[in-house]
N, C-alpha and C. Protein backbone atom coordinates (compact mmCIF):
# COMPACT_ATOMS: atom_id res chain seq x y z
N MET A 1 6.23 -4.96 -7.43
CA MET A 1 5.01 -5.14 -8.17
C MET A 1 4.67 -3.83 -8.88
N PRO A 2 4.34 -3.92 -10.15
CA PRO A 2 3.98 -2.69 -10.88
C PRO A 2 2.70 -2.06 -10.35
N ARG A 3 2.65 -0.75 -10.35
CA ARG A 3 1.46 -0.03 -9.89
C ARG A 3 0.52 0.11 -11.08
N THR A 4 0.06 -1.04 -11.56
CA THR A 4 -0.86 -1.10 -12.69
C THR A 4 -2.08 -1.93 -12.29
N ILE A 5 -3.13 -1.87 -13.07
CA ILE A 5 -4.32 -2.67 -12.79
C ILE A 5 -3.96 -4.14 -12.76
N GLY A 6 -3.18 -4.59 -13.73
CA GLY A 6 -2.78 -6.00 -13.78
C GLY A 6 -1.89 -6.39 -12.62
N GLY A 7 -0.93 -5.54 -12.28
CA GLY A 7 -0.03 -5.84 -11.17
C GLY A 7 -0.76 -5.94 -9.85
N ILE A 8 -1.65 -5.00 -9.62
CA ILE A 8 -2.42 -4.99 -8.37
C ILE A 8 -3.37 -6.17 -8.31
N SER A 9 -4.14 -6.39 -9.37
CA SER A 9 -5.13 -7.48 -9.34
C SER A 9 -4.45 -8.84 -9.22
N GLY A 10 -3.24 -8.98 -9.79
CA GLY A 10 -2.53 -10.24 -9.68
C GLY A 10 -2.07 -10.56 -8.27
N ALA A 11 -1.89 -9.53 -7.45
CA ALA A 11 -1.42 -9.73 -6.08
C ALA A 11 -2.56 -9.93 -5.08
N LEU A 12 -3.77 -9.55 -5.46
CA LEU A 12 -4.90 -9.66 -4.55
C LEU A 12 -5.58 -11.01 -4.70
N GLN A 13 -6.20 -11.47 -3.63
CA GLN A 13 -6.87 -12.76 -3.64
C GLN A 13 -8.38 -12.59 -3.46
N GLY A 14 -9.14 -13.48 -4.06
CA GLY A 14 -10.58 -13.63 -3.84
C GLY A 14 -11.39 -12.36 -3.77
N SER A 15 -12.03 -12.16 -2.61
CA SER A 15 -12.96 -11.04 -2.46
C SER A 15 -12.26 -9.69 -2.52
N ARG A 16 -10.97 -9.65 -2.14
CA ARG A 16 -10.24 -8.38 -2.22
C ARG A 16 -10.05 -7.98 -3.68
N ARG A 17 -9.80 -8.95 -4.54
CA ARG A 17 -9.67 -8.65 -5.97
C ARG A 17 -11.00 -8.14 -6.51
N ALA A 18 -12.09 -8.77 -6.12
CA ALA A 18 -13.41 -8.35 -6.58
C ALA A 18 -13.72 -6.94 -6.08
N GLN A 19 -13.37 -6.63 -4.84
CA GLN A 19 -13.60 -5.29 -4.30
C GLN A 19 -12.77 -4.26 -5.05
N PHE A 20 -11.51 -4.60 -5.38
CA PHE A 20 -10.65 -3.71 -6.16
C PHE A 20 -11.31 -3.39 -7.50
N PHE A 21 -11.77 -4.42 -8.22
CA PHE A 21 -12.38 -4.18 -9.52
C PHE A 21 -13.68 -3.37 -9.40
N ALA A 22 -14.45 -3.61 -8.33
CA ALA A 22 -15.67 -2.84 -8.14
C ALA A 22 -15.36 -1.35 -7.97
N GLU A 23 -14.35 -1.04 -7.15
CA GLU A 23 -13.96 0.37 -6.96
C GLU A 23 -13.36 0.95 -8.24
N LEU A 24 -12.59 0.14 -8.93
CA LEU A 24 -11.94 0.58 -10.16
C LEU A 24 -12.98 0.94 -11.22
N LEU A 25 -14.01 0.13 -11.35
CA LEU A 25 -15.04 0.36 -12.36
C LEU A 25 -15.89 1.59 -12.06
N GLU A 26 -15.96 1.99 -10.80
CA GLU A 26 -16.75 3.16 -10.42
C GLU A 26 -15.95 4.46 -10.50
N ALA A 27 -14.63 4.37 -10.53
CA ALA A 27 -13.78 5.57 -10.50
C ALA A 27 -13.74 6.26 -11.86
N GLN A 28 -13.73 7.58 -11.81
CA GLN A 28 -13.58 8.37 -13.03
C GLN A 28 -12.10 8.54 -13.33
N GLN A 29 -11.80 8.63 -14.62
CA GLN A 29 -10.41 8.82 -15.03
C GLN A 29 -9.87 10.11 -14.43
N GLY A 30 -8.64 10.07 -13.97
CA GLY A 30 -8.01 11.24 -13.37
C GLY A 30 -7.69 10.98 -11.91
N PRO A 31 -7.81 12.01 -11.07
CA PRO A 31 -7.43 11.88 -9.66
C PRO A 31 -8.18 10.78 -8.91
N GLU A 32 -9.44 10.59 -9.24
CA GLU A 32 -10.23 9.55 -8.55
C GLU A 32 -9.67 8.16 -8.86
N LEU A 33 -9.39 7.89 -10.12
CA LEU A 33 -8.82 6.61 -10.52
C LEU A 33 -7.42 6.43 -9.92
N ASP A 34 -6.63 7.48 -9.95
CA ASP A 34 -5.29 7.44 -9.36
C ASP A 34 -5.37 7.09 -7.88
N SER A 35 -6.33 7.65 -7.19
CA SER A 35 -6.51 7.40 -5.76
C SER A 35 -6.84 5.93 -5.50
N VAL A 36 -7.72 5.37 -6.30
CA VAL A 36 -8.07 3.95 -6.16
C VAL A 36 -6.85 3.08 -6.40
N LEU A 37 -6.10 3.37 -7.45
CA LEU A 37 -4.91 2.57 -7.74
C LEU A 37 -3.87 2.69 -6.63
N ASN A 38 -3.65 3.88 -6.12
CA ASN A 38 -2.68 4.07 -5.05
C ASN A 38 -3.08 3.34 -3.78
N ALA A 39 -4.34 3.43 -3.40
CA ALA A 39 -4.81 2.76 -2.19
C ALA A 39 -4.68 1.25 -2.31
N TRP A 40 -5.11 0.72 -3.44
CA TRP A 40 -5.08 -0.73 -3.62
C TRP A 40 -3.66 -1.25 -3.87
N TRP A 41 -2.78 -0.44 -4.42
CA TRP A 41 -1.40 -0.87 -4.58
C TRP A 41 -0.77 -1.12 -3.21
N GLY A 42 -1.05 -0.22 -2.27
CA GLY A 42 -0.54 -0.41 -0.91
C GLY A 42 -1.09 -1.67 -0.27
N ARG A 43 -2.36 -1.93 -0.45
CA ARG A 43 -2.97 -3.15 0.10
C ARG A 43 -2.38 -4.39 -0.55
N ALA A 44 -2.17 -4.32 -1.86
CA ALA A 44 -1.61 -5.46 -2.59
C ALA A 44 -0.17 -5.72 -2.14
N MET A 45 0.59 -4.66 -1.91
CA MET A 45 1.96 -4.83 -1.42
C MET A 45 1.95 -5.53 -0.07
N LEU A 46 1.04 -5.15 0.80
CA LEU A 46 0.94 -5.80 2.10
C LEU A 46 0.52 -7.26 1.93
N ASP A 47 -0.39 -7.53 1.00
CA ASP A 47 -0.84 -8.91 0.77
C ASP A 47 0.29 -9.82 0.30
N THR A 48 1.27 -9.26 -0.39
CA THR A 48 2.36 -10.09 -0.90
C THR A 48 3.52 -10.22 0.09
N ASP A 49 3.46 -9.49 1.20
CA ASP A 49 4.53 -9.53 2.20
C ASP A 49 4.37 -10.79 3.06
N PRO A 50 5.42 -11.62 3.15
CA PRO A 50 5.31 -12.84 3.95
C PRO A 50 5.08 -12.55 5.44
N ASP A 51 5.41 -11.35 5.90
CA ASP A 51 5.19 -10.99 7.30
C ASP A 51 3.88 -10.25 7.52
N ARG A 52 2.98 -10.29 6.55
CA ARG A 52 1.77 -9.48 6.60
C ARG A 52 0.93 -9.74 7.85
N ASP A 53 0.81 -10.97 8.28
CA ASP A 53 -0.02 -11.26 9.45
C ASP A 53 0.59 -10.65 10.71
N ARG A 54 1.91 -10.73 10.84
CA ARG A 54 2.59 -10.15 11.99
C ARG A 54 2.47 -8.63 11.97
N ILE A 55 2.66 -8.03 10.79
CA ILE A 55 2.57 -6.58 10.66
C ILE A 55 1.16 -6.09 10.96
N ARG A 56 0.17 -6.77 10.42
CA ARG A 56 -1.23 -6.37 10.66
C ARG A 56 -1.57 -6.47 12.15
N ALA A 57 -1.15 -7.56 12.79
CA ALA A 57 -1.44 -7.74 14.22
C ALA A 57 -0.76 -6.65 15.05
N ALA A 58 0.48 -6.33 14.71
CA ALA A 58 1.20 -5.27 15.45
C ALA A 58 0.53 -3.91 15.24
N ALA A 59 0.08 -3.65 14.02
CA ALA A 59 -0.60 -2.38 13.74
C ALA A 59 -1.90 -2.28 14.53
N GLU A 60 -2.66 -3.36 14.56
CA GLU A 60 -3.93 -3.36 15.28
C GLU A 60 -3.71 -3.26 16.79
N ALA A 61 -2.60 -3.82 17.28
CA ALA A 61 -2.30 -3.78 18.72
C ALA A 61 -1.63 -2.48 19.13
N GLY A 62 -1.23 -1.66 18.15
CA GLY A 62 -0.56 -0.41 18.45
C GLY A 62 0.91 -0.60 18.81
N THR A 63 1.49 -1.73 18.42
CA THR A 63 2.89 -2.01 18.76
C THR A 63 3.80 -1.99 17.54
N LEU A 64 3.29 -1.57 16.40
CA LEU A 64 4.11 -1.49 15.19
C LEU A 64 5.11 -0.36 15.36
N PRO A 65 6.40 -0.65 15.17
CA PRO A 65 7.40 0.42 15.33
C PRO A 65 7.15 1.56 14.34
N THR A 66 7.36 2.76 14.81
CA THR A 66 7.17 3.93 13.96
C THR A 66 8.44 4.77 13.96
N THR A 67 8.51 5.68 13.02
CA THR A 67 9.65 6.60 12.90
C THR A 67 9.09 8.01 12.75
N SER A 68 9.70 8.93 13.45
CA SER A 68 9.25 10.32 13.36
C SER A 68 9.76 10.94 12.07
N MET A 69 9.10 12.00 11.62
CA MET A 69 9.56 12.71 10.42
C MET A 69 10.94 13.30 10.66
N GLN A 70 11.22 13.71 11.87
CA GLN A 70 12.54 14.25 12.20
C GLN A 70 13.61 13.18 11.96
N ASP A 71 13.36 11.95 12.37
CA ASP A 71 14.32 10.87 12.13
C ASP A 71 14.46 10.56 10.64
N VAL A 72 13.35 10.61 9.91
CA VAL A 72 13.41 10.37 8.47
C VAL A 72 14.27 11.43 7.80
N ARG A 73 14.07 12.69 8.15
CA ARG A 73 14.88 13.78 7.57
C ARG A 73 16.36 13.61 7.92
N ARG A 74 16.63 13.27 9.16
CA ARG A 74 18.02 13.09 9.58
C ARG A 74 18.68 11.96 8.81
N ARG A 75 17.98 10.84 8.64
CA ARG A 75 18.54 9.71 7.89
C ARG A 75 18.78 10.06 6.43
N ARG A 76 17.85 10.80 5.85
CA ARG A 76 18.02 11.23 4.45
C ARG A 76 19.25 12.10 4.29
N GLN A 77 19.46 13.01 5.24
CA GLN A 77 20.63 13.89 5.18
C GLN A 77 21.91 13.09 5.36
N GLU A 78 21.90 12.09 6.23
CA GLU A 78 23.07 11.26 6.45
C GLU A 78 23.46 10.49 5.19
N PHE A 79 22.48 10.13 4.41
CA PHE A 79 22.73 9.35 3.19
C PHE A 79 22.77 10.23 1.94
N GLY A 80 22.93 11.54 2.14
CA GLY A 80 23.10 12.44 1.00
C GLY A 80 21.81 12.90 0.38
N GLY A 81 20.68 12.62 1.00
CA GLY A 81 19.40 13.07 0.45
C GLY A 81 19.12 14.49 0.89
N GLN A 82 17.95 14.95 0.58
CA GLN A 82 17.60 16.34 0.92
C GLN A 82 16.87 16.42 2.20
């Protein structure tokens, strides 16, 4: 999904879309607007995930699998990243 106003609003439903537009209309151009778009893009991505209910429940229960930064760095190095 594009990280644009249209992409984000198209992925959100009902009151979440209205809340997105309310925050968007209050944000000033620049870092504040970028922050609103970034936050809502993440929420919109979760809304479009077919496993969203399972992921949300696991996050709320504290059982969502996590990865340490050390593991992320190691995996990046294994795959030729930095």
